[in-house]
Amino acid sequence: MQRRAGHFVWRELNTPNLDESKAFYGGLFGWTIVDTDVAMGDSTFTMPMIGNGDDVIGAMIPTGGDGEHPPHWMPYVSVDDVDAAAAAAKEAGGKVGVEPFDLPRGRFSVVGDPSGAWITAYANKAGDADAKERPDVGDFCWETLVSQDLDAAKPFYKAVFGWTPVTGPMGTESVFDAADGTGVADFQQSNSGMPSAWFTYVVVENLDDAKAKAEALGAKVQMPHVHIPGVGHIALIADPHGAALGLFQPDM
């Protein structure tokens, strides 16, 4: 496997209750969530790994769920040099929430852009799994940045991940391309006072059915439906602990 620098390669749920989150997401997406022992230095801790079919696509970790660290999904972006990415984040006006740190499978650093959206730079020692031609139902598929300051965000992400803002499907500059020319995320201005944040999406077979199931399992629908012509239908939910997640039904 080769590293796919600038691409999203992992997602991690920060939740105050692992058992409740396992039940919710397993019920909603049919994910298989398996507790896995992970070595950290001289100690070992248990991390629930998220499986969709034969693929391991993410993980869950416990968080206090307080005002400073509310429940959320954290996206990971592949980089060649984590230390360089963290240094670039600081130089571009952002912050480093977690300094570069070694994990058993690689090295990571949590960085925040100038208006407070947090994201993780990650270098997997073994490289990254090859991208699928089309994500399966239940796979993570896309990210959206909602920002209070796009003028500062665009050069920040160019400096940290090498992303270039390009014209999106609606005819305006609204998509980040990675260095290889592949679109990896879209961005939009926060017009309602919403704090700057990243949102990740999961492919569903039927959006209405997924929303109904999510509500039955204790979630709230925050954005019921947006159709992007030629792309698909999206909705935004908050899981029972408040972590936001997008649902995506492709047009094709």
C-alpha atoms as a PDB file:
ATOM      1  CA  MET A   1       0.000   0.000   0.000  1.00  0.00           C
ATOM      2  CA  GLN A   2       1.162   3.502  -0.797  1.00  0.00           C
ATOM      3  CA  ARG A   3       0.370   6.661   1.099  1.00  0.00           C
ATOM      4  CA  ARG A   4      -2.451   8.732  -0.436  1.00  0.00           C
ATOM      5  CA  ALA A   5      -1.304  12.118   0.824  1.00  0.00           C
ATOM      6  CA  GLY A   6      -4.078  14.678   1.133  1.00  0.00           C
ATOM      7  CA  HIS A   7      -6.877  12.104   1.195  1.00  0.00           C
ATOM      8  CA  PHE A   8      -9.169  11.218   4.098  1.00  0.00           C
ATOM      9  CA  VAL A   9      -8.196   7.746   5.297  1.00  0.00           C
ATOM     10  CA  TRP A  10      -9.767   7.245   8.756  1.00  0.00           C
ATOM     11  CA  ARG A  11     -12.578   8.515  10.973  1.00  0.00           C
ATOM     12  CA  GLU A  12     -12.883   8.281  14.723  1.00  0.00           C
ATOM     13  CA  LEU A  13     -15.893   8.820  16.948  1.00  0.00           C
ATOM     14  CA  ASN A  14     -15.273  10.560  20.278  1.00  0.00           C
ATOM     15  CA  THR A  15     -18.131   9.472  22.530  1.00  0.00           C
ATOM     16  CA  PRO A  16     -18.933   9.584  26.263  1.00  0.00           C
ATOM     17  CA  ASN A  17     -20.550   6.128  26.152  1.00  0.00           C
ATOM     18  CA  LEU A  18     -18.960   3.447  23.980  1.00  0.00           C
ATOM     19  CA  ASP A  19     -21.636   0.803  24.566  1.00  0.00           C
ATOM     20  CA  GLU A  20     -24.485   3.137  23.584  1.00  0.00           C
ATOM     21  CA  SER A  21     -22.601   4.348  20.517  1.00  0.00           C
ATOM     22  CA  LYS A  22     -21.857   0.787  19.417  1.00  0.00           C
ATOM     23  CA  ALA A  23     -25.555  -0.064  19.642  1.00  0.00           C
ATOM     24  CA  PHE A  24     -26.633   3.076  17.770  1.00  0.00           C
ATOM     25  CA  TYR A  25     -24.219   2.844  14.852  1.00  0.00           C
ATOM     26  CA  GLY A  26     -24.431  -0.929  14.584  1.00  0.00           C
ATOM     27  CA  GLY A  27     -28.198  -0.610  14.369  1.00  0.00           C
ATOM     28  CA  LEU A  28     -28.131   2.293  11.922  1.00  0.00           C
ATOM     29  CA  PHE A  29     -25.512   1.126   9.431  1.00  0.00           C
ATOM     30  CA  GLY A  30     -25.083  -2.572  10.216  1.00  0.00           C
ATOM     31  CA  TRP A  31     -21.472  -1.932  11.178  1.00  0.00           C
ATOM     32  CA  THR A  32     -19.570  -4.662  12.995  1.00  0.00           C
ATOM     33  CA  ILE A  33     -17.851  -3.025  15.967  1.00  0.00           C
ATOM     34  CA  VAL A  34     -15.208  -5.172  17.625  1.00  0.00           C
ATOM     35  CA  ASP A  35     -13.205  -4.343  20.759  1.00  0.00           C
ATOM     36  CA  THR A  36      -9.526  -4.598  19.822  1.00  0.00           C
ATOM     37  CA  ASP A  37      -6.470  -4.520  22.079  1.00  0.00           C
ATOM     38  CA  VAL A  38      -4.057  -1.769  21.042  1.00  0.00           C
ATOM     39  CA  ALA A  39      -0.529  -1.516  22.428  1.00  0.00           C
ATOM     40  CA  MET A  40       0.623   1.920  23.603  1.00  0.00           C
ATOM     41  CA  GLY A  41       4.151   1.869  24.959  1.00  0.00           C
ATOM     42  CA  ASP A  42       4.264  -0.566  27.863  1.00  0.00           C
ATOM     43  CA  SER A  43       0.472  -0.661  28.260  1.00  0.00           C
ATOM     44  CA  THR A  44      -2.491  -1.951  26.286  1.00  0.00           C
ATOM     45  CA  PHE A  45      -5.934  -0.428  25.916  1.00  0.00           C
ATOM     46  CA  THR A  46      -9.117  -1.557  24.205  1.00  0.00           C
ATOM     47  CA  MET A  47     -10.416   0.356  21.177  1.00  0.00           C
ATOM     48  CA  PRO A  48     -13.652  -0.520  19.355  1.00  0.00           C
ATOM     49  CA  MET A  49     -12.868  -0.871  15.637  1.00  0.00           C
ATOM     50  CA  ILE A  50     -15.600  -0.184  13.086  1.00  0.00           C
ATOM     51  CA  GLY A  51     -16.036  -2.731  10.311  1.00  0.00           C
ATOM     52  CA  ASN A  52     -18.164  -2.394   7.173  1.00  0.00           C
ATOM     53  CA  GLY A  53     -18.192  -5.722   5.396  1.00  0.00           C
ATOM     54  CA  ASP A  54     -14.598  -6.901   5.222  1.00  0.00           C
ATOM     55  CA  ASP A  55     -13.115  -3.419   5.686  1.00  0.00           C
ATOM     56  CA  VAL A  56     -12.056  -1.728   8.928  1.00  0.00           C
ATOM     57  CA  ILE A  57     -13.043   1.906   8.334  1.00  0.00           C
ATOM     58  CA  GLY A  58     -12.744   3.688  11.684  1.00  0.00           C
ATOM     59  CA  ALA A  59     -12.758   3.487  15.450  1.00  0.00           C
ATOM     60  CA  MET A  60     -14.374   4.812  18.606  1.00  0.00           C
ATOM     61  CA  ILE A  61     -12.654   6.341  21.607  1.00  0.00           C
ATOM     62  CA  PRO A  62     -14.067   7.528  24.944  1.00  0.00           C
ATOM     63  CA  THR A  63     -14.280  11.239  25.669  1.00  0.00           C
ATOM     64  CA  GLY A  64     -15.569  13.172  28.638  1.00  0.00           C
ATOM     65  CA  GLY A  65     -18.302  14.813  26.595  1.00  0.00           C
ATOM     66  CA  ASP A  66     -17.707  18.151  28.336  1.00  0.00           C
ATOM     67  CA  GLY A  67     -18.008  21.613  26.823  1.00  0.00           C
ATOM     68  CA  GLU A  68     -14.395  21.655  25.715  1.00  0.00           C
ATOM     69  CA  HIS A  69     -14.491  18.182  24.159  1.00  0.00           C
ATOM     70  CA  PRO A  70     -18.067  17.479  23.031  1.00  0.00           C
ATOM     71  CA  PRO A  71     -18.903  14.228  21.215  1.00  0.00           C
ATOM     72  CA  HIS A  72     -17.798  14.416  17.584  1.00  0.00           C
ATOM     73  CA  TRP A  73     -16.458  12.562  14.580  1.00  0.00           C
ATOM     74  CA  MET A  74     -12.797  13.292  13.856  1.00  0.00           C
ATOM     75  CA  PRO A  75     -11.533  12.878  10.267  1.00  0.00           C
ATOM     76  CA  TYR A  76      -7.924  11.854   9.563  1.00  0.00           C
ATOM     77  CA  VAL A  77      -6.002  13.073   6.495  1.00  0.00           C
ATOM     78  CA  SER A  78      -2.965  11.202   5.208  1.00  0.00           C
ATOM     79  CA  VAL A  79       0.299  13.172   5.122  1.00  0.00           C
ATOM     80  CA  ASP A  80       3.885  12.245   4.329  1.00  0.00           C
ATOM     81  CA  ASP A  81       5.291  14.162   7.319  1.00  0.00           C
ATOM     82  CA  VAL A  82       3.169  14.755  10.421  1.00  0.00           C
ATOM     83  CA  ASP A  83       5.692  17.073  12.041  1.00  0.00           C
ATOM     84  CA  ALA A  84       5.835  19.244   8.926  1.00  0.00           C
ATOM     85  CA  ALA A  85       2.028  19.370   8.784  1.00  0.00           C
ATOM     86  CA  ALA A  86       1.825  20.495  12.429  1.00  0.00           C
ATOM     87  CA  ALA A  87       4.477  23.151  11.852  1.00  0.00           C
ATOM     88  CA  ALA A  88       2.635  24.367   8.738  1.00  0.00           C
ATOM     89  CA  ALA A  89      -0.597  24.597  10.726  1.00  0.00           C
ATOM     90  CA  LYS A  90       0.999  26.924  13.255  1.00  0.00           C
ATOM     91  CA  GLU A  91       2.655  29.029  10.555  1.00  0.00           C
ATOM     92  CA  ALA A  92      -0.650  29.376   8.682  1.00  0.00           C
ATOM     93  CA  GLY A  93      -2.434  30.818  11.705  1.00  0.00           C
ATOM     94  CA  GLY A  94      -3.886  27.633  13.159  1.00  0.00           C
ATOM     95  CA  LYS A  95      -3.312  25.686  16.354  1.00  0.00           C
ATOM     96  CA  VAL A  96      -1.973  22.283  17.309  1.00  0.00           C
ATOM     97  CA  GLY A  97      -4.265  20.580  19.800  1.00  0.00           C
ATOM     98  CA  VAL A  98      -2.187  17.405  20.026  1.00  0.00           C
ATOM     99  CA  GLU A  99       1.497  17.662  19.173  1.00  0.00           C
ATOM    100  CA  PRO A 100       2.924  14.975  16.844  1.00  0.00           C
ATOM    101  CA  PHE A 101       2.594  11.669  18.637  1.00  0.00           C
ATOM    102  CA  ASP A 102       3.513   8.072  17.778  1.00  0.00           C
ATOM    103  CA  LEU A 103       0.883   5.344  17.672  1.00  0.00           C
ATOM    104  CA  PRO A 104       1.534   1.633  17.079  1.00  0.00           C
ATOM    105  CA  ARG A 105       0.398   1.991  13.449  1.00  0.00           C
ATOM    106  CA  GLY A 106       1.741   5.468  12.685  1.00  0.00           C
ATOM    107  CA  ARG A 107       2.116   9.085  13.778  1.00  0.00           C
ATOM    108  CA  PHE A 108      -0.557  11.761  14.157  1.00  0.00           C
ATOM    109  CA  SER A 109      -1.248  15.338  15.217  1.00  0.00           C
ATOM    110  CA  VAL A 110      -4.565  17.122  15.793  1.00  0.00           C
ATOM    111  CA  VAL A 111      -4.578  20.578  14.215  1.00  0.00           C
ATOM    112  CA  GLY A 112      -7.131  23.386  14.215  1.00  0.00           C
ATOM    113  CA  ASP A 113      -7.648  25.901  11.418  1.00  0.00           C
ATOM    114  CA  PRO A 114      -7.745  29.673  12.131  1.00  0.00           C
ATOM    115  CA  SER A 115     -11.466  29.679  12.936  1.00  0.00           C
ATOM    116  CA  GLY A 116     -11.492  26.535  15.081  1.00  0.00           C
ATOM    117  CA  ALA A 117     -12.305  23.517  12.884  1.00  0.00           C
ATOM    118  CA  TRP A 118     -10.248  20.522  14.063  1.00  0.00           C
ATOM    119  CA  ILE A 119      -8.782  17.773  11.894  1.00  0.00           C
ATOM    120  CA  THR A 120      -6.030  15.159  12.237  1.00  0.00           C
ATOM    121  CA  ALA A 121      -2.857  14.786  10.165  1.00  0.00           C
ATOM    122  CA  TYR A 122      -1.873  11.116  10.037  1.00  0.00           C
ATOM    123  CA  ALA A 123       0.928   9.011   8.588  1.00  0.00           C
ATOM    124  CA  ASN A 124       0.285   5.269   8.619  1.00  0.00           C
ATOM    125  CA  LYS A 125       3.522   3.273   8.783  1.00  0.00           C
ATOM    126  CA  ALA A 126       2.104   0.662   6.403  1.00  0.00           C
ATOM    127  CA  GLY A 127       0.660   3.149   3.935  1.00  0.00           C
ATOM    128  CA  ASP A 128      -3.009   3.715   3.137  1.00  0.00           C
ATOM    129  CA  ALA A 129      -5.602   1.336   1.765  1.00  0.00           C
ATOM    130  CA  ASP A 130      -6.364   1.817  -1.913  1.00  0.00           C
ATOM    131  CA  ALA A 131      -9.352   4.031  -2.662  1.00  0.00           C
ATOM    132  CA  LYS A 132     -12.479   2.284  -3.906  1.00  0.00           C
ATOM    133  CA  GLU A 133     -13.857   3.317  -7.278  1.00  0.00           C
ATOM    134  CA  ARG A 134     -17.198   3.831  -5.558  1.00  0.00           C
ATOM    135  CA  PRO A 135     -17.815   3.608  -1.784  1.00  0.00           C
ATOM    136  CA  ASP A 136     -20.126   0.837  -0.604  1.00  0.00           C
ATOM    137  CA  VAL A 137     -23.266   1.419   1.447  1.00  0.00           C
ATOM    138  CA  GLY A 138     -22.054   1.947   5.018  1.00  0.00           C
ATOM    139  CA  ASP A 139     -18.691   3.413   3.955  1.00  0.00           C
ATOM    140  CA  PHE A 140     -17.501   6.914   4.789  1.00  0.00           C
ATOM    141  CA  CYS A 141     -17.524   8.842   1.542  1.00  0.00           C
ATOM    142  CA  TRP A 142     -17.025  12.618   1.877  1.00  0.00           C
ATOM    143  CA  GLU A 143     -16.273  15.555   4.188  1.00  0.00           C
ATOM    144  CA  THR A 144     -17.637  19.097   4.439  1.00  0.00           C
ATOM    145  CA  LEU A 145     -15.986  22.067   6.099  1.00  0.00           C
ATOM    146  CA  VAL A 146     -18.371  24.684   7.478  1.00  0.00           C
ATOM    147  CA  SER A 147     -16.251  27.732   8.271  1.00  0.00           C
ATOM    148  CA  GLN A 148     -16.718  31.144   9.787  1.00  0.00           C
ATOM    149  CA  ASP A 149     -13.642  32.365   7.899  1.00  0.00           C
ATOM    150  CA  LEU A 150     -13.093  30.780   4.491  1.00  0.00           C
ATOM    151  CA  ASP A 151     -10.561  33.445   3.531  1.00  0.00           C
ATOM    152  CA  ALA A 152      -8.286  32.114   6.263  1.00  0.00           C
ATOM    153  CA  ALA A 153      -9.260  28.459   5.827  1.00  0.00           C
ATOM    154  CA  LYS A 154      -8.320  28.133   2.159  1.00  0.00           C
ATOM    155  CA  PRO A 155      -4.624  29.049   2.513  1.00  0.00           C
ATOM    156  CA  PHE A 156      -4.445  27.086   5.779  1.00  0.00           C
ATOM    157  CA  TYR A 157      -5.478  23.807   4.159  1.00  0.00           C
ATOM    158  CA  LYS A 158      -3.259  24.512   1.154  1.00  0.00           C
ATOM    159  CA  ALA A 159      -0.288  24.889   3.504  1.00  0.00           C
ATOM    160  CA  VAL A 160      -1.080  21.861   5.682  1.00  0.00           C
ATOM    161  CA  PHE A 161      -2.462  19.317   3.190  1.00  0.00           C
ATOM    162  CA  GLY A 162      -1.706  20.774  -0.243  1.00  0.00           C
ATOM    163  CA  TRP A 163      -5.383  21.248  -1.079  1.00  0.00           C
ATOM    164  CA  THR A 164      -6.471  23.611  -3.864  1.00  0.00           C
ATOM    165  CA  PRO A 165      -9.936  25.274  -3.935  1.00  0.00           C
ATOM    166  CA  VAL A 166     -11.728  24.521  -7.233  1.00  0.00           C
ATOM    167  CA  THR A 167     -15.188  24.947  -8.782  1.00  0.00           C
ATOM    168  CA  GLY A 168     -17.747  22.439  -7.505  1.00  0.00           C
ATOM    169  CA  PRO A 169     -20.929  20.946  -9.029  1.00  0.00           C
ATOM    170  CA  MET A 170     -22.960  24.079  -8.274  1.00  0.00           C
ATOM    171  CA  GLY A 171     -20.648  26.225 -10.415  1.00  0.00           C
ATOM    172  CA  THR A 172     -18.900  28.060  -7.587  1.00  0.00           C
ATOM    173  CA  GLU A 173     -15.536  27.591  -5.868  1.00  0.00           C
ATOM    174  CA  SER A 174     -16.560  25.106  -3.219  1.00  0.00           C
ATOM    175  CA  VAL A 175     -14.391  21.979  -3.402  1.00  0.00           C
ATOM    176  CA  PHE A 176     -10.894  21.123  -2.191  1.00  0.00           C
ATOM    177  CA  ASP A 177      -8.771  19.077  -4.609  1.00  0.00           C
ATOM    178  CA  ALA A 178      -5.845  17.048  -3.302  1.00  0.00           C
ATOM    179  CA  ALA A 179      -2.454  17.387  -5.006  1.00  0.00           C
ATOM    180  CA  ASP A 180      -3.333  14.476  -7.331  1.00  0.00           C
ATOM    181  CA  GLY A 181      -6.355  16.407  -8.657  1.00  0.00           C
ATOM    182  CA  THR A 182      -8.973  14.334  -6.813  1.00  0.00           C
ATOM    183  CA  GLY A 183     -11.774  16.149  -4.992  1.00  0.00           C
ATOM    184  CA  VAL A 184     -11.662  15.272  -1.304  1.00  0.00           C
ATOM    185  CA  ALA A 185     -14.049  17.687   0.465  1.00  0.00           C
ATOM    186  CA  ASP A 186     -16.321  20.657  -0.031  1.00  0.00           C
ATOM    187  CA  PHE A 187     -16.411  23.886   1.937  1.00  0.00           C
ATOM    188  CA  GLN A 188     -19.066  26.455   2.733  1.00  0.00           C
ATOM    189  CA  GLN A 189     -19.472  29.628   4.722  1.00  0.00           C
ATOM    190  CA  SER A 190     -21.193  29.404   8.098  1.00  0.00           C
ATOM    191  CA  ASN A 191     -24.111  31.777   7.757  1.00  0.00           C
ATOM    192  CA  SER A 192     -26.070  30.896  10.868  1.00  0.00           C
ATOM    193  CA  GLY A 193     -23.469  31.382  13.582  1.00  0.00           C
ATOM    194  CA  MET A 194     -22.572  27.692  13.503  1.00  0.00           C
ATOM    195  CA  PRO A 195     -19.019  27.179  14.822  1.00  0.00           C
ATOM    196  CA  SER A 196     -16.419  26.122  12.281  1.00  0.00           C
ATOM    197  CA  ALA A 197     -16.345  22.334  12.051  1.00  0.00           C
ATOM    198  CA  TRP A 198     -15.773  19.331   9.833  1.00  0.00           C
ATOM    199  CA  PHE A 199     -18.629  16.951   8.985  1.00  0.00           C
ATOM    200  CA  THR A 200     -18.223  13.456   7.575  1.00  0.00           C
ATOM    201  CA  TYR A 201     -20.740  11.483   5.497  1.00  0.00           C
ATOM    202  CA  VAL A 202     -21.744   7.834   5.251  1.00  0.00           C
ATOM    203  CA  VAL A 203     -23.350   6.223   2.189  1.00  0.00           C
ATOM    204  CA  VAL A 204     -26.903   4.958   2.726  1.00  0.00           C
ATOM    205  CA  GLU A 205     -29.148   3.031   0.359  1.00  0.00           C
ATOM    206  CA  ASN A 206     -32.239   5.148   1.035  1.00  0.00           C
ATOM    207  CA  LEU A 207     -32.030   8.517   2.765  1.00  0.00           C
ATOM    208  CA  ASP A 208     -35.594   8.576   4.116  1.00  0.00           C
ATOM    209  CA  ASP A 209     -35.261   5.085   5.562  1.00  0.00           C
ATOM    210  CA  ALA A 210     -31.913   5.939   7.165  1.00  0.00           C
ATOM    211  CA  LYS A 211     -33.303   9.128   8.755  1.00  0.00           C
ATOM    212  CA  ALA A 212     -36.297   7.239  10.146  1.00  0.00           C
ATOM    213  CA  LYS A 213     -34.073   4.503  11.561  1.00  0.00           C
ATOM    214  CA  ALA A 214     -31.716   7.072  13.085  1.00  0.00           C
ATOM    215  CA  GLU A 215     -34.617   8.827  14.833  1.00  0.00           C
ATOM    216  CA  ALA A 216     -35.994   5.511  16.091  1.00  0.00           C
ATOM    217  CA  LEU A 217     -32.566   4.806  17.601  1.00  0.00           C
ATOM    218  CA  GLY A 218     -32.494   8.145  19.418  1.00  0.00           C
ATOM    219  CA  ALA A 219     -30.875  10.545  16.925  1.00  0.00           C
ATOM    220  CA  LYS A 220     -32.141  13.969  15.869  1.00  0.00           C
ATOM    221  CA  VAL A 221     -32.357  15.098  12.254  1.00  0.00           C
ATOM    222  CA  GLN A 222     -30.678  18.495  12.035  1.00  0.00           C
ATOM    223  CA  MET A 223     -30.887  19.031   8.264  1.00  0.00           C
ATOM    224  CA  PRO A 224     -33.643  16.925   6.669  1.00  0.00           C
ATOM    225  CA  HIS A 225     -32.769  17.007   2.976  1.00  0.00           C
ATOM    226  CA  VAL A 226     -30.598  18.734   0.414  1.00  0.00           C
ATOM    227  CA  HIS A 227     -30.407  17.543  -3.190  1.00  0.00           C
ATOM    228  CA  ILE A 228     -27.253  18.259  -5.176  1.00  0.00           C
ATOM    229  CA  PRO A 229     -28.187  17.626  -8.844  1.00  0.00           C
ATOM    230  CA  GLY A 230     -26.074  14.954 -10.444  1.00  0.00           C
ATOM    231  CA  VAL A 231     -24.492  14.048  -7.122  1.00  0.00           C
ATOM    232  CA  GLY A 232     -27.058  12.879  -4.579  1.00  0.00           C
ATOM    233  CA  HIS A 233     -29.226  13.557  -1.559  1.00  0.00           C
ATOM    234  CA  ILE A 234     -27.837  14.452   1.862  1.00  0.00           C
ATOM    235  CA  ALA A 235     -29.109  14.911   5.404  1.00  0.00           C
ATOM    236  CA  LEU A 236     -27.409  15.731   8.695  1.00  0.00           C
ATOM    237  CA  ILE A 237     -28.154  13.968  11.970  1.00  0.00           C
ATOM    238  CA  ALA A 238     -26.933  14.251  15.547  1.00  0.00           C
ATOM    239  CA  ASP A 239     -26.457  10.896  17.257  1.00  0.00           C
ATOM    240  CA  PRO A 240     -27.922  10.319  20.758  1.00  0.00           C
ATOM    241  CA  HIS A 241     -24.894  12.056  22.313  1.00  0.00           C
ATOM    242  CA  GLY A 242     -24.870  14.983  19.884  1.00  0.00           C
ATOM    243  CA  ALA A 243     -22.107  13.956  17.462  1.00  0.00           C
ATOM    244  CA  ALA A 244     -23.062  15.232  13.994  1.00  0.00           C
ATOM    245  CA  LEU A 245     -22.866  12.963  10.958  1.00  0.00           C
ATOM    246  CA  GLY A 246     -23.979  13.283   7.344  1.00  0.00           C
ATOM    247  CA  LEU A 247     -26.015  10.713   5.423  1.00  0.00           C
ATOM    248  CA  PHE A 248     -25.554  10.469   1.650  1.00  0.00           C
ATOM    249  CA  GLN A 249     -27.714   8.726  -0.953  1.00  0.00           C
ATOM    250  CA  PRO A 250     -26.044   8.957  -4.381  1.00  0.00           C
ATOM    251  CA  ASP A 251     -28.097   9.788  -7.443  1.00  0.00           C
ATOM    252  CA  MET A 252     -26.654   6.792  -9.246  1.00  0.00           C
END
